[in-house]
Amino acid sequence: MKTFIAMTKALSDSHRVRAFAALRGGELCVCKIIELLKLAPSTVSKHMSILKQAGLVDARKEGRWIYYRLPAHADSNRLGMIMDALAASPEIAEDDKRLKKINRADLSEMCKKQRNGKI
């Protein structure tokens, strides 16, 4: 019951749902998630922390960057059900388009721009 409640609370915010859905294509640097959501770095960090505490994402640090991904040990039925529910969302489809562009951008430049407050 605790796990279910933590998951549903974590997915009760549209920004967290969008960040979670973005990870279905693979691991992303937090800079890319910031760029996608157009939120302050501290806000994105808080959202990602909530998703991590609920067991919906894993994180790793490499140098100064933090990367998020869907957990390798995740129950594929559970994640599949969530992803199926999101598949028809126009907002998620738009995020997918934007994420393709973001993934082509230079990571160092993107992070530098964000550190200078130009989100």
N, C-alpha and C. Protein backbone atom coordinates (compact mmCIF):
# COMPACT_ATOMS: atom_id res chain seq x y z
N MET A 1 0.82 -1.20 0.00
CA MET A 1 0.00 0.00 0.00
C MET A 1 0.86 1.26 0.00
N LYS A 2 1.94 1.28 0.82
CA LYS A 2 2.81 2.45 0.89
C LYS A 2 3.41 2.80 -0.46
N THR A 3 3.86 1.77 -1.17
CA THR A 3 4.47 1.98 -2.48
C THR A 3 3.48 2.58 -3.45
N PHE A 4 2.28 2.06 -3.47
CA PHE A 4 1.24 2.57 -4.36
C PHE A 4 0.93 4.04 -4.06
N ILE A 5 0.78 4.38 -2.80
CA ILE A 5 0.48 5.75 -2.40
C ILE A 5 1.63 6.69 -2.81
N ALA A 6 2.87 6.27 -2.58
CA ALA A 6 4.03 7.09 -2.96
C ALA A 6 4.06 7.32 -4.47
N MET A 7 3.76 6.27 -5.23
CA MET A 7 3.75 6.41 -6.69
C MET A 7 2.65 7.35 -7.16
N THR A 8 1.47 7.18 -6.62
CA THR A 8 0.36 8.03 -7.08
C THR A 8 0.57 9.48 -6.68
N LYS A 9 1.15 9.72 -5.50
CA LYS A 9 1.46 11.08 -5.10
C LYS A 9 2.52 11.68 -6.01
N ALA A 10 3.53 10.88 -6.34
CA ALA A 10 4.60 11.37 -7.22
C ALA A 10 4.06 11.71 -8.60
N LEU A 11 3.09 10.96 -9.06
CA LEU A 11 2.53 11.19 -10.39
C LEU A 11 1.31 12.12 -10.38
N SER A 12 1.10 12.80 -9.27
CA SER A 12 -0.05 13.71 -9.17
C SER A 12 0.27 15.12 -9.67
N ASP A 13 1.48 15.32 -10.14
CA ASP A 13 1.89 16.63 -10.64
C ASP A 13 2.24 16.51 -12.12
N SER A 14 1.72 17.41 -12.94
CA SER A 14 1.93 17.30 -14.39
C SER A 14 3.40 17.42 -14.79
N HIS A 15 4.18 18.22 -14.07
CA HIS A 15 5.60 18.34 -14.40
C HIS A 15 6.34 17.03 -14.13
N ARG A 16 6.00 16.39 -13.04
CA ARG A 16 6.63 15.10 -12.73
C ARG A 16 6.22 14.03 -13.73
N VAL A 17 4.97 14.05 -14.14
CA VAL A 17 4.51 13.09 -15.15
C VAL A 17 5.27 13.32 -16.46
N ARG A 18 5.43 14.57 -16.85
CA ARG A 18 6.15 14.88 -18.08
C ARG A 18 7.62 14.44 -18.00
N ALA A 19 8.27 14.69 -16.86
CA ALA A 19 9.66 14.27 -16.69
C ALA A 19 9.76 12.75 -16.73
N PHE A 20 8.85 12.09 -16.05
CA PHE A 20 8.82 10.63 -16.03
C PHE A 20 8.64 10.08 -17.44
N ALA A 21 7.70 10.63 -18.19
CA ALA A 21 7.42 10.17 -19.55
C ALA A 21 8.62 10.41 -20.47
N ALA A 22 9.34 11.50 -20.26
CA ALA A 22 10.50 11.80 -21.09
C ALA A 22 11.58 10.73 -20.96
N LEU A 23 11.64 10.06 -19.81
CA LEU A 23 12.66 9.06 -19.57
C LEU A 23 12.37 7.73 -20.26
N ARG A 24 11.21 7.57 -20.84
CA ARG A 24 10.92 6.30 -21.51
C ARG A 24 11.81 6.10 -22.72
N GLY A 25 12.40 7.19 -23.24
CA GLY A 25 13.33 7.08 -24.37
C GLY A 25 14.75 6.81 -23.94
N GLY A 26 15.01 6.78 -22.64
CA GLY A 26 16.35 6.51 -22.13
C GLY A 26 16.78 7.57 -21.14
N GLU A 27 17.98 7.40 -20.65
CA GLU A 27 18.56 8.26 -19.63
C GLU A 27 18.69 9.70 -20.13
N LEU A 28 18.43 10.66 -19.22
CA LEU A 28 18.56 12.08 -19.55
C LEU A 28 19.31 12.81 -18.44
N CYS A 29 20.15 13.74 -18.85
CA CYS A 29 20.80 14.64 -17.91
C CYS A 29 19.74 15.59 -17.36
N VAL A 30 19.89 15.99 -16.13
CA VAL A 30 18.92 16.90 -15.51
C VAL A 30 18.84 18.20 -16.31
N CYS A 31 19.93 18.62 -16.97
CA CYS A 31 19.89 19.84 -17.79
C CYS A 31 18.85 19.72 -18.90
N LYS A 32 18.74 18.54 -19.48
CA LYS A 32 17.76 18.33 -20.55
C LYS A 32 16.34 18.34 -19.99
N ILE A 33 16.16 17.83 -18.80
CA ILE A 33 14.84 17.85 -18.18
C ILE A 33 14.45 19.29 -17.84
N ILE A 34 15.40 20.06 -17.36
CA ILE A 34 15.17 21.48 -17.08
C ILE A 34 14.75 22.20 -18.35
N GLU A 35 15.47 21.93 -19.43
CA GLU A 35 15.17 22.56 -20.73
C GLU A 35 13.78 22.15 -21.21
N LEU A 36 13.44 20.91 -21.06
CA LEU A 36 12.14 20.42 -21.50
C LEU A 36 11.00 21.07 -20.72
N LEU A 37 11.12 21.09 -19.40
CA LEU A 37 10.04 21.58 -18.55
C LEU A 37 10.01 23.10 -18.42
N LYS A 38 11.14 23.74 -18.74
CA LYS A 38 11.25 25.21 -18.61
C LYS A 38 10.95 25.66 -17.18
N LEU A 39 11.56 24.93 -16.23
CA LEU A 39 11.42 25.26 -14.81
C LEU A 39 12.80 25.55 -14.24
N ALA A 40 12.84 26.18 -13.08
CA ALA A 40 14.10 26.46 -12.40
C ALA A 40 14.78 25.15 -12.02
N PRO A 41 16.11 25.14 -12.05
CA PRO A 41 16.84 23.92 -11.68
C PRO A 41 16.45 23.37 -10.31
N SER A 42 16.25 24.23 -9.34
CA SER A 42 15.88 23.76 -8.01
C SER A 42 14.50 23.09 -8.02
N THR A 43 13.59 23.61 -8.82
CA THR A 43 12.25 23.02 -8.92
C THR A 43 12.31 21.65 -9.56
N VAL A 44 13.10 21.54 -10.65
CA VAL A 44 13.24 20.25 -11.32
C VAL A 44 13.91 19.25 -10.38
N SER A 45 14.92 19.68 -9.65
CA SER A 45 15.59 18.79 -8.70
C SER A 45 14.61 18.25 -7.67
N LYS A 46 13.73 19.11 -7.18
CA LYS A 46 12.73 18.67 -6.20
C LYS A 46 11.76 17.66 -6.81
N HIS A 47 11.30 17.94 -8.03
CA HIS A 47 10.41 17.01 -8.71
C HIS A 47 11.08 15.65 -8.92
N MET A 48 12.33 15.68 -9.35
CA MET A 48 13.04 14.43 -9.61
C MET A 48 13.30 13.66 -8.31
N SER A 49 13.53 14.39 -7.23
CA SER A 49 13.73 13.76 -5.93
C SER A 49 12.46 13.02 -5.50
N ILE A 50 11.32 13.61 -5.74
CA ILE A 50 10.05 12.98 -5.39
C ILE A 50 9.84 11.71 -6.22
N LEU A 51 10.15 11.78 -7.51
CA LEU A 51 10.04 10.60 -8.37
C LEU A 51 11.00 9.50 -7.92
N LYS A 52 12.20 9.91 -7.51
CA LYS A 52 13.20 8.94 -7.06
C LYS A 52 12.76 8.28 -5.75
N GLN A 53 12.26 9.06 -4.82
CA GLN A 53 11.80 8.52 -3.54
C GLN A 53 10.65 7.53 -3.73
N ALA A 54 9.85 7.75 -4.77
CA ALA A 54 8.73 6.85 -5.06
C ALA A 54 9.18 5.61 -5.81
N GLY A 55 10.45 5.54 -6.17
CA GLY A 55 10.97 4.38 -6.88
C GLY A 55 10.67 4.39 -8.37
N LEU A 56 10.26 5.53 -8.89
CA LEU A 56 9.90 5.61 -10.30
C LEU A 56 11.09 5.95 -11.20
N VAL A 57 12.16 6.51 -10.63
CA VAL A 57 13.36 6.80 -11.41
C VAL A 57 14.59 6.47 -10.58
N ASP A 58 15.69 6.25 -11.28
CA ASP A 58 17.01 6.08 -10.66
C ASP A 58 17.86 7.26 -11.11
N ALA A 59 18.91 7.55 -10.35
CA ALA A 59 19.81 8.65 -10.69
C ALA A 59 21.25 8.22 -10.52
N ARG A 60 22.11 8.86 -11.28
CA ARG A 60 23.55 8.67 -11.10
C ARG A 60 24.22 10.01 -11.38
N LYS A 61 25.34 10.21 -10.74
CA LYS A 61 26.09 11.45 -10.92
C LYS A 61 27.36 11.14 -11.70
N GLU A 62 27.63 11.97 -12.69
CA GLU A 62 28.85 11.84 -13.49
C GLU A 62 29.44 13.24 -13.62
N GLY A 63 30.53 13.46 -12.92
CA GLY A 63 31.09 14.81 -12.90
C GLY A 63 30.12 15.75 -12.22
N ARG A 64 29.80 16.83 -12.90
CA ARG A 64 28.85 17.78 -12.31
C ARG A 64 27.41 17.52 -12.75
N TRP A 65 27.21 16.53 -13.62
CA TRP A 65 25.89 16.26 -14.13
C TRP A 65 25.22 15.10 -13.42
N ILE A 66 23.91 15.21 -13.27
CA ILE A 66 23.11 14.12 -12.71
C ILE A 66 22.23 13.60 -13.84
N TYR A 67 22.22 12.29 -13.99
CA TYR A 67 21.44 11.63 -15.03
C TYR A 67 20.33 10.83 -14.37
N TYR A 68 19.15 10.89 -14.99
CA TYR A 68 17.99 10.13 -14.51
C TYR A 68 17.58 9.12 -15.57
N ARG A 69 17.04 8.00 -15.10
CA ARG A 69 16.56 6.95 -15.99
C ARG A 69 15.46 6.18 -15.26
N LEU A 70 14.70 5.43 -16.05
CA LEU A 70 13.73 4.53 -15.44
C LEU A 70 14.52 3.40 -14.79
N PRO A 71 14.07 2.91 -13.66
CA PRO A 71 14.82 1.86 -12.95
C PRO A 71 14.89 0.56 -13.76
N ALA A 72 16.06 -0.06 -13.75
CA ALA A 72 16.26 -1.33 -14.46
C ALA A 72 15.44 -2.45 -13.83
N HIS A 73 15.24 -2.36 -12.53
CA HIS A 73 14.52 -3.41 -11.80
C HIS A 73 13.01 -3.19 -11.78
N ALA A 74 12.55 -2.15 -12.47
CA ALA A 74 11.14 -1.77 -12.38
C ALA A 74 10.23 -2.87 -12.93
N ASP A 75 9.08 -2.96 -12.36
CA ASP A 75 8.04 -3.88 -12.81
C ASP A 75 7.53 -3.37 -14.16
N SER A 76 7.83 -4.10 -15.22
CA SER A 76 7.48 -3.64 -16.57
C SER A 76 5.97 -3.52 -16.76
N ASN A 77 5.18 -4.34 -16.08
CA ASN A 77 3.73 -4.22 -16.19
C ASN A 77 3.25 -2.89 -15.61
N ARG A 78 3.81 -2.54 -14.45
CA ARG A 78 3.41 -1.30 -13.78
C ARG A 78 3.79 -0.10 -14.64
N LEU A 79 5.04 -0.06 -15.12
CA LEU A 79 5.48 1.07 -15.95
C LEU A 79 4.76 1.08 -17.28
N GLY A 80 4.52 -0.09 -17.83
CA GLY A 80 3.80 -0.17 -19.10
C GLY A 80 2.40 0.40 -18.99
N MET A 81 1.73 0.11 -17.89
CA MET A 81 0.39 0.63 -17.67
C MET A 81 0.41 2.16 -17.61
N ILE A 82 1.39 2.71 -16.91
CA ILE A 82 1.50 4.16 -16.80
C ILE A 82 1.78 4.77 -18.16
N MET A 83 2.73 4.19 -18.89
CA MET A 83 3.10 4.72 -20.21
C MET A 83 1.94 4.61 -21.19
N ASP A 84 1.19 3.52 -21.13
CA ASP A 84 0.02 3.36 -22.01
C ASP A 84 -1.00 4.46 -21.73
N ALA A 85 -1.18 4.80 -20.47
CA ALA A 85 -2.13 5.84 -20.12
C ALA A 85 -1.69 7.21 -20.64
N LEU A 86 -0.38 7.40 -20.77
CA LEU A 86 0.15 8.68 -21.25
C LEU A 86 0.25 8.77 -22.77
N ALA A 87 0.19 7.64 -23.44
CA ALA A 87 0.46 7.57 -24.87
C ALA A 87 -0.43 8.51 -25.70
N ALA A 88 -1.65 8.71 -25.29
CA ALA A 88 -2.58 9.53 -26.06
C ALA A 88 -2.51 11.01 -25.71
N SER A 89 -1.65 11.39 -24.80
CA SER A 89 -1.61 12.77 -24.34
C SER A 89 -0.94 13.68 -25.38
N PRO A 90 -1.64 14.72 -25.82
CA PRO A 90 -1.03 15.67 -26.76
C PRO A 90 0.18 16.39 -26.14
N GLU A 91 0.14 16.64 -24.85
CA GLU A 91 1.25 17.31 -24.18
C GLU A 91 2.51 16.43 -24.19
N ILE A 92 2.35 15.14 -23.97
CA ILE A 92 3.49 14.23 -24.02
C ILE A 92 4.02 14.13 -25.44
N ALA A 93 3.14 14.10 -26.43
CA ALA A 93 3.58 14.08 -27.84
C ALA A 93 4.39 15.33 -28.18
N GLU A 94 3.93 16.47 -27.69
CA GLU A 94 4.67 17.72 -27.92
C GLU A 94 6.02 17.68 -27.20
N ASP A 95 6.05 17.16 -25.99
CA ASP A 95 7.33 17.00 -25.28
C ASP A 95 8.29 16.11 -26.05
N ASP A 96 7.76 15.04 -26.66
CA ASP A 96 8.61 14.14 -27.45
C ASP A 96 9.29 14.90 -28.59
N LYS A 97 8.55 15.76 -29.25
CA LYS A 97 9.11 16.57 -30.35
C LYS A 97 10.19 17.51 -29.82
N ARG A 98 9.89 18.20 -28.72
CA ARG A 98 10.86 19.13 -28.14
C ARG A 98 12.10 18.41 -27.65
N LEU A 99 11.91 17.22 -27.09
CA LEU A 99 13.04 16.46 -26.56
C LEU A 99 14.00 16.03 -27.67
N LYS A 100 13.48 15.74 -28.85
CA LYS A 100 14.36 15.40 -29.97
C LYS A 100 15.30 16.56 -30.27
N LYS A 101 14.78 17.77 -30.25
CA LYS A 101 15.59 18.96 -30.49
C LYS A 101 16.58 19.17 -29.34
N ILE A 102 16.12 19.01 -28.12
CA ILE A 102 16.97 19.19 -26.95
C ILE A 102 18.12 18.19 -26.97
N ASN A 103 17.83 16.95 -27.37
CA ASN A 103 18.87 15.92 -27.40
C ASN A 103 19.96 16.20 -28.43
N ARG A 104 19.66 17.02 -29.42
CA ARG A 104 20.67 17.38 -30.42
C ARG A 104 21.55 18.54 -29.97
N ALA A 105 21.13 19.26 -28.94
CA ALA A 105 21.87 20.42 -28.45
C ALA A 105 23.12 20.00 -27.69
N ASP A 106 24.09 20.90 -27.63
CA ASP A 106 25.33 20.65 -26.89
C ASP A 106 25.03 20.72 -25.39
N LEU A 107 25.31 19.62 -24.68
CA LEU A 107 25.00 19.52 -23.26
C LEU A 107 25.73 20.57 -22.44
N SER A 108 27.01 20.78 -22.71
CA SER A 108 27.79 21.77 -21.94
C SER A 108 27.22 23.17 -22.09
N GLU A 109 26.87 23.53 -23.32
CA GLU A 109 26.30 24.87 -23.55
C GLU A 109 24.94 25.02 -22.88
N MET A 110 24.13 23.98 -22.94
CA MET A 110 22.81 24.02 -22.31
C MET A 110 22.94 24.22 -20.81
N CYS A 111 23.82 23.47 -20.18
CA CYS A 111 24.00 23.58 -18.73
C CYS A 111 24.59 24.94 -18.36
N LYS A 112 25.52 25.43 -19.17
CA LYS A 112 26.11 26.75 -18.92
C LYS A 112 25.05 27.83 -18.97
N LYS A 113 24.18 27.76 -19.97
CA LYS A 113 23.10 28.74 -20.11
C LYS A 113 22.18 28.70 -18.89
N GLN A 114 21.89 27.49 -18.41
CA GLN A 114 21.00 27.34 -17.25
C GLN A 114 21.66 27.88 -15.98
N ARG A 115 22.96 27.65 -15.83
CA ARG A 115 23.66 28.17 -14.65
C ARG A 115 23.69 29.69 -14.64
N ASN A 116 23.64 30.28 -15.82
CA ASN A 116 23.64 31.74 -15.91
C ASN A 116 22.22 32.31 -15.83
N GLY A 117 21.25 31.47 -15.52
CA GLY A 117 19.89 31.94 -15.31
C GLY A 117 19.12 32.23 -16.58
N LYS A 118 19.50 31.60 -17.69
CA LYS A 118 18.81 31.85 -18.96
C LYS A 118 18.07 30.61 -19.41
N ILE A 119 17.12 30.20 -18.63
CA ILE A 119 16.37 28.96 -18.93
C ILE A 119 15.48 29.14 -20.09
